[in-house]
Amino acid sequence: MNVITIESDAYNEIIKSIQSIDKKLDTLQNVNSNEVRWLNNTEARKVVNLSTRTMASKRYSGEIPYTKFGRRILYKMSDLQAYLEKHYQKAFKN
């Protein structure tokens, strides 16, 4: 077993950082589920597993709603979930 020693000031800073992270996690976990969650283009593409070009096509055709905020394109998580539900196919056996 290795023993590591640090100064008390450094230790206190580490403890403060951990407490700050813990508070942020609590805040994120307590977010009201009725709040709208917005995703940028990269995050949205990962959710629906589409390429950049296909995502743009779905956006322009109106299949996936979006909003523009300056140069940023944003998607509601609920709209992406609705898109996935619409295209959900159950596997069946013959």
PDB file of N, CA and C in Angstrom:
ATOM      1  N   MET A   1       0.840  -1.165   0.000  1.00  0.00           N
ATOM      2  CA  MET A   1       0.000   0.000   0.000  1.00  0.00           C
ATOM      3  C   MET A   1       0.894   1.240   0.000  1.00  0.00           C
ATOM      4  N   ASN A   2       0.547   2.215  -0.847  1.00  0.00           N
ATOM      5  CA  ASN A   2       1.296   3.463  -0.905  1.00  0.00           C
ATOM      6  C   ASN A   2       0.606   4.514  -0.055  1.00  0.00           C
ATOM      7  N   VAL A   3       1.390   5.299   0.630  1.00  0.00           N
ATOM      8  CA  VAL A   3       0.853   6.384   1.428  1.00  0.00           C
ATOM      9  C   VAL A   3       1.188   7.686   0.724  1.00  0.00           C
ATOM     10  N   ILE A   4       0.163   8.497   0.505  1.00  0.00           N
ATOM     11  CA  ILE A   4       0.347   9.781  -0.155  1.00  0.00           C
ATOM     12  C   ILE A   4       0.039  10.873   0.851  1.00  0.00           C
ATOM     13  N   THR A   5       0.920  11.833   0.946  1.00  0.00           N
ATOM     14  CA  THR A   5       0.683  12.951   1.861  1.00  0.00           C
ATOM     15  C   THR A   5       0.504  14.225   1.052  1.00  0.00           C
ATOM     16  N   ILE A   6      -0.440  15.059   1.510  1.00  0.00           N
ATOM     17  CA  ILE A   6      -0.651  16.352   0.872  1.00  0.00           C
ATOM     18  C   ILE A   6      -0.851  17.403   1.962  1.00  0.00           C
ATOM     19  N   GLU A   7      -0.647  18.627   1.587  1.00  0.00           N
ATOM     20  CA  GLU A   7      -0.843  19.714   2.536  1.00  0.00           C
ATOM     21  C   GLU A   7      -2.324  19.867   2.841  1.00  0.00           C
ATOM     22  N   SER A   8      -2.622  20.368   4.015  1.00  0.00           N
ATOM     23  CA  SER A   8      -4.018  20.499   4.429  1.00  0.00           C
ATOM     24  C   SER A   8      -4.785  21.458   3.521  1.00  0.00           C
ATOM     25  N   ASP A   9      -4.126  22.503   2.998  1.00  0.00           N
ATOM     26  CA  ASP A   9      -4.808  23.425   2.080  1.00  0.00           C
ATOM     27  C   ASP A   9      -5.232  22.711   0.798  1.00  0.00           C
ATOM     28  N   ALA A  10      -4.356  21.869   0.267  1.00  0.00           N
ATOM     29  CA  ALA A  10      -4.676  21.112  -0.941  1.00  0.00           C
ATOM     30  C   ALA A  10      -5.807  20.135  -0.661  1.00  0.00           C
ATOM     31  N   TYR A  11      -5.771  19.489   0.504  1.00  0.00           N
ATOM     32  CA  TYR A  11      -6.824  18.565   0.895  1.00  0.00           C
ATOM     33  C   TYR A  11      -8.168  19.285   0.974  1.00  0.00           C
ATOM     34  N   ASN A  12      -8.182  20.453   1.613  1.00  0.00           N
ATOM     35  CA  ASN A  12      -9.416  21.232   1.740  1.00  0.00           C
ATOM     36  C   ASN A  12      -9.959  21.651   0.385  1.00  0.00           C
ATOM     37  N   GLU A  13      -9.088  21.982  -0.556  1.00  0.00           N
ATOM     38  CA  GLU A  13      -9.521  22.342  -1.915  1.00  0.00           C
ATOM     39  C   GLU A  13     -10.157  21.150  -2.607  1.00  0.00           C
ATOM     40  N   ILE A  14      -9.582  19.988  -2.418  1.00  0.00           N
ATOM     41  CA  ILE A  14     -10.155  18.772  -3.012  1.00  0.00           C
ATOM     42  C   ILE A  14     -11.537  18.515  -2.433  1.00  0.00           C
ATOM     43  N   ILE A  15     -11.680  18.649  -1.132  1.00  0.00           N
ATOM     44  CA  ILE A  15     -12.976  18.442  -0.476  1.00  0.00           C
ATOM     45  C   ILE A  15     -14.000  19.446  -0.999  1.00  0.00           C
ATOM     46  N   LYS A  16     -13.613  20.712  -1.156  1.00  0.00           N
ATOM     47  CA  LYS A  16     -14.523  21.738  -1.680  1.00  0.00           C
ATOM     48  C   LYS A  16     -14.951  21.395  -3.101  1.00  0.00           C
ATOM     49  N   SER A  17     -14.018  20.918  -3.914  1.00  0.00           N
ATOM     50  CA  SER A  17     -14.340  20.539  -5.293  1.00  0.00           C
ATOM     51  C   SER A  17     -15.331  19.384  -5.325  1.00  0.00           C
ATOM     52  N   ILE A  18     -15.120  18.403  -4.483  1.00  0.00           N
ATOM     53  CA  ILE A  18     -16.030  17.254  -4.427  1.00  0.00           C
ATOM     54  C   ILE A  18     -17.420  17.696  -3.985  1.00  0.00           C
ATOM     55  N   GLN A  19     -17.483  18.571  -2.999  1.00  0.00           N
ATOM     56  CA  GLN A  19     -18.779  19.064  -2.533  1.00  0.00           C
ATOM     57  C   GLN A  19     -19.490  19.869  -3.619  1.00  0.00           C
ATOM     58  N   SER A  20     -18.725  20.643  -4.377  1.00  0.00           N
ATOM     59  CA  SER A  20     -19.306  21.426  -5.474  1.00  0.00           C
ATOM     60  C   SER A  20     -19.887  20.507  -6.547  1.00  0.00           C
ATOM     61  N   ILE A  21     -19.149  19.466  -6.886  1.00  0.00           N
ATOM     62  CA  ILE A  21     -19.623  18.500  -7.878  1.00  0.00           C
ATOM     63  C   ILE A  21     -20.877  17.795  -7.359  1.00  0.00           C
ATOM     64  N   ASP A  22     -20.874  17.448  -6.081  1.00  0.00           N
ATOM     65  CA  ASP A  22     -22.024  16.783  -5.470  1.00  0.00           C
ATOM     66  C   ASP A  22     -23.263  17.672  -5.537  1.00  0.00           C
ATOM     67  N   LYS A  23     -23.106  18.962  -5.270  1.00  0.00           N
ATOM     68  CA  LYS A  23     -24.240  19.894  -5.341  1.00  0.00           C
ATOM     69  C   LYS A  23     -24.768  20.000  -6.768  1.00  0.00           C
ATOM     70  N   LYS A  24     -23.854  20.050  -7.736  1.00  0.00           N
ATOM     71  CA  LYS A  24     -24.275  20.132  -9.137  1.00  0.00           C
ATOM     72  C   LYS A  24     -25.038  18.878  -9.553  1.00  0.00           C
ATOM     73  N   LEU A  25     -24.575  17.724  -9.107  1.00  0.00           N
ATOM     74  CA  LEU A  25     -25.271  16.478  -9.428  1.00  0.00           C
ATOM     75  C   LEU A  25     -26.653  16.454  -8.800  1.00  0.00           C
ATOM     76  N   ASP A  26     -26.759  16.917  -7.561  1.00  0.00           N
ATOM     77  CA  ASP A  26     -28.067  16.982  -6.914  1.00  0.00           C
ATOM     78  C   ASP A  26     -29.002  17.889  -7.690  1.00  0.00           C
ATOM     79  N   THR A  27     -28.482  19.015  -8.149  1.00  0.00           N
ATOM     80  CA  THR A  27     -29.285  19.963  -8.925  1.00  0.00           C
ATOM     81  C   THR A  27     -29.766  19.316 -10.215  1.00  0.00           C
ATOM     82  N   LEU A  28     -28.881  18.622 -10.905  1.00  0.00           N
ATOM     83  CA  LEU A  28     -29.256  17.970 -12.157  1.00  0.00           C
ATOM     84  C   LEU A  28     -30.282  16.871 -11.923  1.00  0.00           C
ATOM     85  N   GLN A  29     -30.148  16.131 -10.848  1.00  0.00           N
ATOM     86  CA  GLN A  29     -31.075  15.043 -10.567  1.00  0.00           C
ATOM     87  C   GLN A  29     -32.437  15.557 -10.135  1.00  0.00           C
ATOM     88  N   ASN A  30     -32.481  16.760  -9.592  1.00  0.00           N
ATOM     89  CA  ASN A  30     -33.739  17.311  -9.105  1.00  0.00           C
ATOM     90  C   ASN A  30     -34.425  18.214 -10.123  1.00  0.00           C
ATOM     91  N   VAL A  31     -33.919  18.240 -11.351  1.00  0.00           N
ATOM     92  CA  VAL A  31     -34.539  19.072 -12.374  1.00  0.00           C
ATOM     93  C   VAL A  31     -35.945  18.557 -12.626  1.00  0.00           C
ATOM     94  N   ASN A  32     -36.870  19.464 -12.704  1.00  0.00           N
ATOM     95  CA  ASN A  32     -38.267  19.111 -12.927  1.00  0.00           C
ATOM     96  C   ASN A  32     -38.401  18.403 -14.273  1.00  0.00           C
ATOM     97  N   SER A  33     -39.047  17.268 -14.291  1.00  0.00           N
ATOM     98  CA  SER A  33     -39.181  16.494 -15.525  1.00  0.00           C
ATOM     99  C   SER A  33     -40.055  17.200 -16.557  1.00  0.00           C
ATOM    100  N   ASN A  34     -40.815  18.230 -16.142  1.00  0.00           N
ATOM    101  CA  ASN A  34     -41.640  18.984 -17.074  1.00  0.00           C
ATOM    102  C   ASN A  34     -40.848  20.026 -17.845  1.00  0.00           C
ATOM    103  N   GLU A  35     -39.611  20.265 -17.439  1.00  0.00           N
ATOM    104  CA  GLU A  35     -38.800  21.259 -18.124  1.00  0.00           C
ATOM    105  C   GLU A  35     -38.364  20.718 -19.482  1.00  0.00           C
ATOM    106  N   VAL A  36     -38.227  21.624 -20.421  1.00  0.00           N
ATOM    107  CA  VAL A  36     -37.806  21.253 -21.770  1.00  0.00           C
ATOM    108  C   VAL A  36     -36.291  21.093 -21.781  1.00  0.00           C
ATOM    109  N   ARG A  37     -35.833  20.006 -22.349  1.00  0.00           N
ATOM    110  CA  ARG A  37     -34.397  19.783 -22.483  1.00  0.00           C
ATOM    111  C   ARG A  37     -34.025  20.005 -23.941  1.00  0.00           C
ATOM    112  N   TRP A  38     -33.093  20.923 -24.176  1.00  0.00           N
ATOM    113  CA  TRP A  38     -32.647  21.257 -25.529  1.00  0.00           C
ATOM    114  C   TRP A  38     -31.300  20.602 -25.785  1.00  0.00           C
ATOM    115  N   LEU A  39     -31.143  20.076 -26.992  1.00  0.00           N
ATOM    116  CA  LEU A  39     -29.894  19.444 -27.397  1.00  0.00           C
ATOM    117  C   LEU A  39     -29.333  20.146 -28.626  1.00  0.00           C
ATOM    118  N   ASN A  40     -28.011  20.254 -28.683  1.00  0.00           N
ATOM    119  CA  ASN A  40     -27.406  20.810 -29.890  1.00  0.00           C
ATOM    120  C   ASN A  40     -27.387  19.729 -30.973  1.00  0.00           C
ATOM    121  N   ASN A  41     -26.915  20.077 -32.142  1.00  0.00           N
ATOM    122  CA  ASN A  41     -26.977  19.161 -33.287  1.00  0.00           C
ATOM    123  C   ASN A  41     -26.199  17.870 -33.034  1.00  0.00           C
ATOM    124  N   THR A  42     -25.012  17.981 -32.460  1.00  0.00           N
ATOM    125  CA  THR A  42     -24.196  16.791 -32.204  1.00  0.00           C
ATOM    126  C   THR A  42     -24.877  15.852 -31.219  1.00  0.00           C
ATOM    127  N   GLU A  43     -25.405  16.408 -30.131  1.00  0.00           N
ATOM    128  CA  GLU A  43     -26.097  15.590 -29.137  1.00  0.00           C
ATOM    129  C   GLU A  43     -27.341  14.940 -29.738  1.00  0.00           C
ATOM    130  N   ALA A  44     -28.095  15.711 -30.512  1.00  0.00           N
ATOM    131  CA  ALA A  44     -29.324  15.192 -31.123  1.00  0.00           C
ATOM    132  C   ALA A  44     -29.016  14.059 -32.097  1.00  0.00           C
ATOM    133  N   ARG A  45     -27.964  14.224 -32.890  1.00  0.00           N
ATOM    134  CA  ARG A  45     -27.599  13.175 -33.845  1.00  0.00           C
ATOM    135  C   ARG A  45     -27.242  11.877 -33.132  1.00  0.00           C
ATOM    136  N   LYS A  46     -26.612  11.981 -31.974  1.00  0.00           N
ATOM    137  CA  LYS A  46     -26.280  10.779 -31.201  1.00  0.00           C
ATOM    138  C   LYS A  46     -27.540  10.095 -30.673  1.00  0.00           C
ATOM    139  N   VAL A  47     -28.518  10.892 -30.280  1.00  0.00           N
ATOM    140  CA  VAL A  47     -29.767  10.325 -29.748  1.00  0.00           C
ATOM    141  C   VAL A  47     -30.497   9.531 -30.819  1.00  0.00           C
ATOM    142  N   VAL A  48     -30.611  10.097 -32.018  1.00  0.00           N
ATOM    143  CA  VAL A  48     -31.371   9.424 -33.074  1.00  0.00           C
ATOM    144  C   VAL A  48     -30.484   8.605 -34.015  1.00  0.00           C
ATOM    145  N   ASN A  49     -29.177   8.627 -33.773  1.00  0.00           N
ATOM    146  CA  ASN A  49     -28.216   7.828 -34.536  1.00  0.00           C
ATOM    147  C   ASN A  49     -28.290   8.110 -36.036  1.00  0.00           C
ATOM    148  N   LEU A  50     -28.201   9.390 -36.394  1.00  0.00           N
ATOM    149  CA  LEU A  50     -28.227   9.790 -37.793  1.00  0.00           C
ATOM    150  C   LEU A  50     -26.945  10.545 -38.148  1.00  0.00           C
ATOM    151  N   SER A  51     -26.571  10.476 -39.419  1.00  0.00           N
ATOM    152  CA  SER A  51     -25.408  11.222 -39.886  1.00  0.00           C
ATOM    153  C   SER A  51     -25.747  12.712 -39.966  1.00  0.00           C
ATOM    154  N   THR A  52     -24.736  13.528 -40.142  1.00  0.00           N
ATOM    155  CA  THR A  52     -24.937  14.974 -40.246  1.00  0.00           C
ATOM    156  C   THR A  52     -25.869  15.305 -41.402  1.00  0.00           C
ATOM    157  N   ARG A  53     -25.626  14.710 -42.548  1.00  0.00           N
ATOM    158  CA  ARG A  53     -26.423  14.996 -43.746  1.00  0.00           C
ATOM    159  C   ARG A  53     -27.864  14.506 -43.587  1.00  0.00           C
ATOM    160  N   THR A  54     -28.039  13.305 -43.059  1.00  0.00           N
ATOM    161  CA  THR A  54     -29.388  12.781 -42.870  1.00  0.00           C
ATOM    162  C   THR A  54     -30.153  13.628 -41.865  1.00  0.00           C
ATOM    163  N   MET A  55     -29.475  14.071 -40.818  1.00  0.00           N
ATOM    164  CA  MET A  55     -30.119  14.926 -39.822  1.00  0.00           C
ATOM    165  C   MET A  55     -30.586  16.226 -40.474  1.00  0.00           C
ATOM    166  N   ALA A  56     -29.754  16.796 -41.328  1.00  0.00           N
ATOM    167  CA  ALA A  56     -30.133  18.028 -42.032  1.00  0.00           C
ATOM    168  C   ALA A  56     -31.340  17.775 -42.938  1.00  0.00           C
ATOM    169  N   SER A  57     -31.357  16.646 -43.618  1.00  0.00           N
ATOM    170  CA  SER A  57     -32.488  16.314 -44.491  1.00  0.00           C
ATOM    171  C   SER A  57     -33.782  16.177 -43.687  1.00  0.00           C
ATOM    172  N   LYS A  58     -33.708  15.497 -42.556  1.00  0.00           N
ATOM    173  CA  LYS A  58     -34.889  15.326 -41.700  1.00  0.00           C
ATOM    174  C   LYS A  58     -35.356  16.674 -41.161  1.00  0.00           C
ATOM    175  N   ARG A  59     -34.402  17.544 -40.879  1.00  0.00           N
ATOM    176  CA  ARG A  59     -34.715  18.879 -40.377  1.00  0.00           C
ATOM    177  C   ARG A  59     -35.419  19.695 -41.455  1.00  0.00           C
ATOM    178  N   TYR A  60     -34.861  19.713 -42.648  1.00  0.00           N
ATOM    179  CA  TYR A  60     -35.421  20.529 -43.732  1.00  0.00           C
ATOM    180  C   TYR A  60     -36.759  19.996 -44.233  1.00  0.00           C
ATOM    181  N   SER A  61     -36.961  18.685 -44.139  1.00  0.00           N
ATOM    182  CA  SER A  61     -38.236  18.110 -44.581  1.00  0.00           C
ATOM    183  C   SER A  61     -39.334  18.296 -43.531  1.00  0.00           C
ATOM    184  N   GLY A  62     -38.942  18.691 -42.321  1.00  0.00           N
ATOM    185  CA  GLY A  62     -39.917  18.901 -41.262  1.00  0.00           C
ATOM    186  C   GLY A  62     -40.174  17.661 -40.423  1.00  0.00           C
ATOM    187  N   GLU A  63     -39.461  16.580 -40.698  1.00  0.00           N
ATOM    188  CA  GLU A  63     -39.660  15.352 -39.925  1.00  0.00           C
ATOM    189  C   GLU A  63     -39.203  15.522 -38.483  1.00  0.00           C
ATOM    190  N   ILE A  64     -38.150  16.301 -38.292  1.00  0.00           N
ATOM    191  CA  ILE A  64     -37.641  16.569 -36.950  1.00  0.00           C
ATOM    192  C   ILE A  64     -37.681  18.078 -36.727  1.00  0.00           C
ATOM    193  N   PRO A  65     -38.546  18.546 -35.820  1.00  0.00           N
ATOM    194  CA  PRO A  65     -38.627  19.980 -35.544  1.00  0.00           C
ATOM    195  C   PRO A  65     -37.338  20.493 -34.892  1.00  0.00           C
ATOM    196  N   TYR A  66     -37.055  21.756 -35.103  1.00  0.00           N
ATOM    197  CA  TYR A  66     -35.848  22.366 -34.548  1.00  0.00           C
ATOM    198  C   TYR A  66     -36.070  23.862 -34.386  1.00  0.00           C
ATOM    199  N   THR A  67     -35.147  24.500 -33.725  1.00  0.00           N
ATOM    200  CA  THR A  67     -35.157  25.951 -33.637  1.00  0.00           C
ATOM    201  C   THR A  67     -33.741  26.441 -33.858  1.00  0.00           C
ATOM    202  N   LYS A  68     -33.637  27.662 -34.334  1.00  0.00           N
ATOM    203  CA  LYS A  68     -32.322  28.259 -34.529  1.00  0.00           C
ATOM    204  C   LYS A  68     -32.164  29.384 -33.529  1.00  0.00           C
ATOM    205  N   PHE A  69     -31.057  29.389 -32.839  1.00  0.00           N
ATOM    206  CA  PHE A  69     -30.728  30.432 -31.886  1.00  0.00           C
ATOM    207  C   PHE A  69     -29.389  30.982 -32.330  1.00  0.00           C
ATOM    208  N   GLY A  70     -29.445  32.083 -33.088  1.00  0.00           N
ATOM    209  CA  GLY A  70     -28.218  32.572 -33.719  1.00  0.00           C
ATOM    210  C   GLY A  70     -27.806  31.582 -34.790  1.00  0.00           C
ATOM    211  N   ARG A  71     -26.597  31.094 -34.701  1.00  0.00           N
ATOM    212  CA  ARG A  71     -26.120  30.091 -35.656  1.00  0.00           C
ATOM    213  C   ARG A  71     -26.312  28.668 -35.137  1.00  0.00           C
ATOM    214  N   ARG A  72     -26.767  28.541 -33.908  1.00  0.00           N
ATOM    215  CA  ARG A  72     -26.934  27.220 -33.305  1.00  0.00           C
ATOM    216  C   ARG A  72     -28.294  26.629 -33.645  1.00  0.00           C
ATOM    217  N   ILE A  73     -28.287  25.357 -33.941  1.00  0.00           N
ATOM    218  CA  ILE A  73     -29.519  24.615 -34.182  1.00  0.00           C
ATOM    219  C   ILE A  73     -29.778  23.781 -32.939  1.00  0.00           C
ATOM    220  N   LEU A  74     -30.991  23.897 -32.416  1.00  0.00           N
ATOM    221  CA  LEU A  74     -31.351  23.184 -31.187  1.00  0.00           C
ATOM    222  C   LEU A  74     -32.597  22.342 -31.404  1.00  0.00           C
ATOM    223  N   TYR A  75     -32.643  21.217 -30.712  1.00  0.00           N
ATOM    224  CA  TYR A  75     -33.758  20.279 -30.804  1.00  0.00           C
ATOM    225  C   TYR A  75     -34.286  20.005 -29.408  1.00  0.00           C
ATOM    226  N   LYS A  76     -35.606  19.840 -29.303  1.00  0.00           N
ATOM    227  CA  LYS A  76     -36.197  19.415 -28.038  1.00  0.00           C
ATOM    228  C   LYS A  76     -36.030  17.907 -27.929  1.00  0.00           C
ATOM    229  N   MET A  77     -35.658  17.468 -26.753  1.00  0.00           N
ATOM    230  CA  MET A  77     -35.520  16.032 -26.516  1.00  0.00           C
ATOM    231  C   MET A  77     -36.851  15.333 -26.760  1.00  0.00           C
ATOM    232  N   SER A  78     -37.954  15.962 -26.372  1.00  0.00           N
ATOM    233  CA  SER A  78     -39.274  15.347 -26.564  1.00  0.00           C
ATOM    234  C   SER A  78     -39.584  15.148 -28.052  1.00  0.00           C
ATOM    235  N   ASP A  79     -39.129  16.078 -28.918  1.00  0.00           N
ATOM    236  CA  ASP A  79     -39.342  15.920 -30.360  1.00  0.00           C
ATOM    237  C   ASP A  79     -38.528  14.755 -30.910  1.00  0.00           C
ATOM    238  N   LEU A  80     -37.320  14.584 -30.396  1.00  0.00           N
ATOM    239  CA  LEU A  80     -36.485  13.468 -30.843  1.00  0.00           C
ATOM    240  C   LEU A  80     -37.082  12.143 -30.386  1.00  0.00           C
ATOM    241  N   GLN A  81     -37.614  12.125 -29.161  1.00  0.00           N
ATOM    242  CA  GLN A  81     -38.257  10.909 -28.672  1.00  0.00           C
ATOM    243  C   GLN A  81     -39.495  10.575 -29.501  1.00  0.00           C
ATOM    244  N   ALA A  82     -40.250  11.600 -29.884  1.00  0.00           N
ATOM    245  CA  ALA A  82     -41.433  11.382 -30.718  1.00  0.00           C
ATOM    246  C   ALA A  82     -41.025  10.823 -32.086  1.00  0.00           C
ATOM    247  N   TYR A  83     -39.936  11.345 -32.648  1.00  0.00           N
ATOM    248  CA  TYR A  83     -39.429  10.851 -33.932  1.00  0.00           C
ATOM    249  C   TYR A  83     -39.061   9.373 -33.808  1.00  0.00           C
ATOM    250  N   LEU A  84     -38.365   9.018 -32.729  1.00  0.00           N
ATOM    251  CA  LEU A  84     -37.976   7.620 -32.535  1.00  0.00           C
ATOM    252  C   LEU A  84     -39.193   6.721 -32.345  1.00  0.00           C
ATOM    253  N   GLU A  85     -40.169   7.183 -31.597  1.00  0.00           N
ATOM    254  CA  GLU A  85     -41.392   6.397 -31.392  1.00  0.00           C
ATOM    255  C   GLU A  85     -42.136   6.176 -32.705  1.00  0.00           C
ATOM    256  N   LYS A  86     -42.168   7.208 -33.529  1.00  0.00           N
ATOM    257  CA  LYS A  86     -42.859   7.120 -34.821  1.00  0.00           C
ATOM    258  C   LYS A  86     -42.199   6.074 -35.716  1.00  0.00           C
ATOM    259  N   HIS A  87     -40.899   5.951 -35.618  1.00  0.00           N
ATOM    260  CA  HIS A  87     -40.152   5.031 -36.470  1.00  0.00           C
ATOM    261  C   HIS A  87     -39.810   3.712 -35.782  1.00  0.00           C
ATOM    262  N   TYR A  88     -40.405   3.494 -34.639  1.00  0.00           N
ATOM    263  CA  TYR A  88     -40.160   2.261 -33.891  1.00  0.00           C
ATOM    264  C   TYR A  88     -40.867   1.102 -34.593  1.00  0.00           C
ATOM    265  N   GLN A  89     -40.132   0.017 -34.779  1.00  0.00           N
ATOM    266  CA  GLN A  89     -40.713  -1.162 -35.407  1.00  0.00           C
ATOM    267  C   GLN A  89     -40.469  -2.350 -34.513  1.00  0.00           C
ATOM    268  N   LYS A  90     -41.521  -3.059 -34.217  1.00  0.00           N
ATOM    269  CA  LYS A  90     -41.404  -4.252 -33.402  1.00  0.00           C
ATOM    270  C   LYS A  90     -40.963  -5.413 -34.287  1.00  0.00           C
ATOM    271  N   ALA A  91     -40.048  -6.192 -33.746  1.00  0.00           N
ATOM    272  CA  ALA A  91     -39.622  -7.395 -34.458  1.00  0.00           C
ATOM    273  C   ALA A  91     -40.684  -8.479 -34.203  1.00  0.00           C
ATOM    274  N   PHE A  92     -40.916  -9.268 -35.193  1.00  0.00           N
ATOM    275  CA  PHE A  92     -41.880 -10.342 -35.018  1.00  0.00           C
ATOM    276  C   PHE A  92     -41.356 -11.615 -35.664  1.00  0.00           C
ATOM    277  N   LYS A  93     -41.882 -12.733 -35.192  1.00  0.00           N
ATOM    278  CA  LYS A  93     -41.481 -14.027 -35.722  1.00  0.00           C
ATOM    279  C   LYS A  93     -42.539 -14.545 -36.661  1.00  0.00           C
ATOM    280  N   ASN A  94     -42.117 -15.194 -37.712  1.00  0.00           N
ATOM    281  CA  ASN A  94     -43.059 -15.794 -38.665  1.00  0.00           C
ATOM    282  C   ASN A  94     -43.478 -17.164 -38.219  1.00  0.00           C
TER     283      ASN A  94
END
